[in-house]
Protein backbone atom coordinates (compact mmCIF):
# COMPACT_ATOMS: atom_id res chain seq x y z
CA UNK A 1 103.08 -5.72 161.59
CA UNK A 2 102.14 -2.10 161.02
CA UNK A 3 105.19 0.50 162.32
CA UNK A 4 104.85 3.86 163.67
CA UNK A 5 107.19 6.29 164.07
CA UNK A 6 106.74 9.37 166.87
CA UNK A 7 108.34 12.47 168.39
CA UNK A 8 108.84 13.02 171.97
CA UNK A 9 109.47 16.71 172.51
CA UNK A 10 110.53 17.09 176.04
CA UNK A 11 111.65 20.56 178.39
CA UNK A 12 112.78 21.53 181.32
CA UNK A 13 109.56 23.02 183.50
CA UNK A 14 109.19 24.47 187.03
CA UNK A 15 109.74 21.05 188.63
CA UNK A 16 112.13 19.18 185.80
CA UNK A 17 111.77 17.63 183.11
CA UNK A 18 108.19 17.42 180.95
CA UNK A 19 107.20 16.03 178.09
CA UNK A 20 104.35 16.91 175.56
CA UNK A 21 101.60 14.58 174.98
CA UNK A 22 98.70 14.43 172.90
CA UNK A 23 95.14 13.07 174.36
CA UNK A 24 93.72 10.52 171.59
CA UNK A 25 90.82 12.06 169.74
CA UNK A 26 86.99 10.48 169.06
CA UNK A 27 84.40 8.69 170.91
CA UNK A 28 86.26 5.78 172.49
CA UNK A 29 88.76 8.17 174.14
CA UNK A 30 86.49 11.14 174.98
CA UNK A 31 86.30 9.91 178.42
CA UNK A 32 89.63 8.36 179.22
CA UNK A 33 92.47 10.58 180.47
CA UNK A 34 94.86 7.88 182.50
CA UNK A 35 96.06 5.57 179.67
CA UNK A 36 94.17 8.01 176.98
CA UNK A 37 97.30 10.08 176.11
CA UNK A 38 100.02 9.16 173.60
CA UNK A 39 103.43 10.01 172.00
CA UNK A 40 102.12 12.20 168.86
CA UNK A 41 102.86 9.48 166.11
CA UNK A 42 101.80 7.81 163.41
CA UNK A 43 102.23 5.03 160.30
CA UNK A 44 105.51 4.67 158.58
CA UNK A 45 104.84 4.84 154.98
CA UNK A 46 106.42 2.07 152.81
CA UNK A 47 108.81 4.63 151.53
CA UNK A 48 110.44 6.24 154.57
CA UNK A 49 113.68 5.76 154.77
CA UNK A 50 114.24 8.64 157.10
CA UNK A 51 112.59 7.86 159.98
CA UNK A 52 113.40 10.83 161.79
CA UNK A 53 111.67 12.76 159.01
CA UNK A 54 108.64 10.18 159.28
CA UNK A 55 108.28 11.10 163.00
CA UNK A 56 108.47 14.92 162.03
CA UNK A 57 105.81 14.56 159.39
CA UNK A 58 103.25 12.51 162.09
CA UNK A 59 103.85 15.39 164.56
CA UNK A 60 103.21 17.95 162.06
CA UNK A 61 99.91 16.32 161.15
CA UNK A 62 98.77 15.51 164.55
CA UNK A 63 100.01 18.83 166.83
CA UNK A 64 101.57 21.47 164.66
CA UNK A 65 105.24 21.89 163.39
CA UNK A 66 107.90 20.66 165.47
CA UNK A 67 110.95 22.76 166.54
CA UNK A 68 114.32 21.82 165.10
CA UNK A 69 117.35 20.51 166.84
CA UNK A 70 119.43 17.21 167.53
CA UNK A 71 117.07 14.42 167.98
CA UNK A 72 117.75 10.92 170.41
CA UNK A 73 116.74 8.11 169.12
CA UNK A 74 114.59 5.94 172.30
CA UNK A 75 114.14 2.73 170.49
CA UNK A 76 111.34 0.44 169.63
CA UNK A 77 108.45 -1.06 171.75
CA UNK A 78 105.35 -3.25 170.59
CA UNK A 79 101.78 -2.54 171.69
CA UNK A 80 99.51 -5.93 170.04
CA UNK A 81 100.25 -5.60 166.30
CA UNK A 82 102.09 -2.25 166.21
CA UNK A 83 105.78 -1.70 166.62
CA UNK A 84 106.77 1.92 167.42
CA UNK A 85 109.74 3.77 166.77
CA UNK A 86 110.17 6.87 168.82
CA UNK A 87 112.69 9.53 168.78
CA UNK A 88 112.89 12.56 171.36
CA UNK A 89 114.03 16.32 170.94
CA UNK A 90 114.25 19.29 173.02
CA UNK A 91 111.94 21.98 172.58
CA UNK A 92 108.81 23.95 173.12
CA UNK A 93 105.58 24.03 171.61
CA UNK A 94 102.33 25.64 173.13
CA UNK A 95 99.60 23.63 173.02
CA UNK A 96 97.14 26.27 172.45
CA UNK A 97 98.52 26.14 168.90
CA UNK A 98 98.21 22.61 168.07
CA UNK A 99 95.86 21.18 165.83
CA UNK A 100 95.45 17.65 164.55
CA UNK A 101 94.50 16.04 161.35
CA UNK A 102 91.37 14.18 161.18
CA UNK A 103 89.66 10.52 160.64
CA UNK A 104 86.07 9.47 159.80
CA UNK A 105 84.32 6.74 161.68
CA UNK A 106 80.74 5.41 161.64
CA UNK A 107 79.33 6.82 164.76
CA UNK A 108 77.52 5.91 166.92
CA UNK A 109 78.14 2.47 166.05
CA UNK A 110 75.92 0.46 162.80
CA UNK A 111 73.86 3.90 162.92
CA UNK A 112 75.17 4.53 159.09
CA UNK A 113 76.39 7.86 160.11
CA UNK A 114 80.02 9.04 159.24
CA UNK A 115 81.80 11.59 161.55
CA UNK A 116 85.34 13.22 161.74
CA UNK A 117 87.06 13.46 164.75
CA UNK A 118 90.50 14.89 165.24
CA UNK A 119 93.30 12.16 165.39
CA UNK A 120 94.47 14.10 168.65
CA UNK A 121 92.06 16.05 170.42
CA UNK A 122 94.34 18.31 172.62
CA UNK A 123 97.93 18.39 173.97
CA UNK A 124 99.56 19.03 177.22
CA UNK A 125 103.32 18.97 178.98
CA UNK A 126 103.51 16.53 181.76
CA UNK A 127 106.42 15.87 184.29
CA UNK A 128 107.90 12.63 184.07
CA UNK A 129 105.67 10.30 186.67
CA UNK A 130 102.12 11.44 185.74
CA UNK A 131 103.44 11.01 181.88
CA UNK A 132 103.71 7.66 183.21
CA UNK A 133 100.28 7.26 184.19
CA UNK A 134 98.62 9.41 181.20
CA UNK A 135 100.51 7.51 178.21
CA UNK A 136 98.97 4.21 177.11
CA UNK A 137 100.37 1.36 178.88
CA UNK A 138 102.52 0.28 175.91
CA UNK A 139 104.53 3.69 175.71
CA UNK A 140 105.46 4.49 179.43
CA UNK A 141 108.55 2.80 178.51
CA UNK A 142 109.70 5.52 176.64
CA UNK A 143 109.52 7.84 179.59
CA UNK A 144 112.33 5.58 181.11
CA UNK A 145 114.36 5.54 178.28
CA UNK A 146 114.18 9.46 177.89
CA UNK A 147 115.24 9.24 181.56
CA UNK A 148 118.16 7.51 181.20
CA UNK A 149 119.34 9.51 177.88
CA UNK A 150 119.14 12.59 179.27
CA UNK A 151 120.87 11.30 182.90
């Protein structure tokens, strides 16, 4: 089982708590909005001992520099053959400043043409109810855990 770690930023917006999510990049997700967003996360390296540092690294690679601050552990969930550990942190981030690393795949399939796509093609702030709809289903549990942790 592979292990991903992520960092879920949250802030207080005009309507209450908001979270920062990333829309998954590439052609498979291009036309999907609901259930097409993710908590910024990535694979844990075998040498990663500090999971918070790994989550910060993955946020930096997919979105940009994370704000400093206290971190809450929101626990783990599974998605297929992937184990996901998520941490939460209060802070702000300007979506227009997001810059993601890229991945390369053959596209269109069986064309022999390799194309590069961003892992996250855009980021946005969502209220908690909307975030539950936007997130891939296996990650929605982290919204509930954040709500509980923040009281």
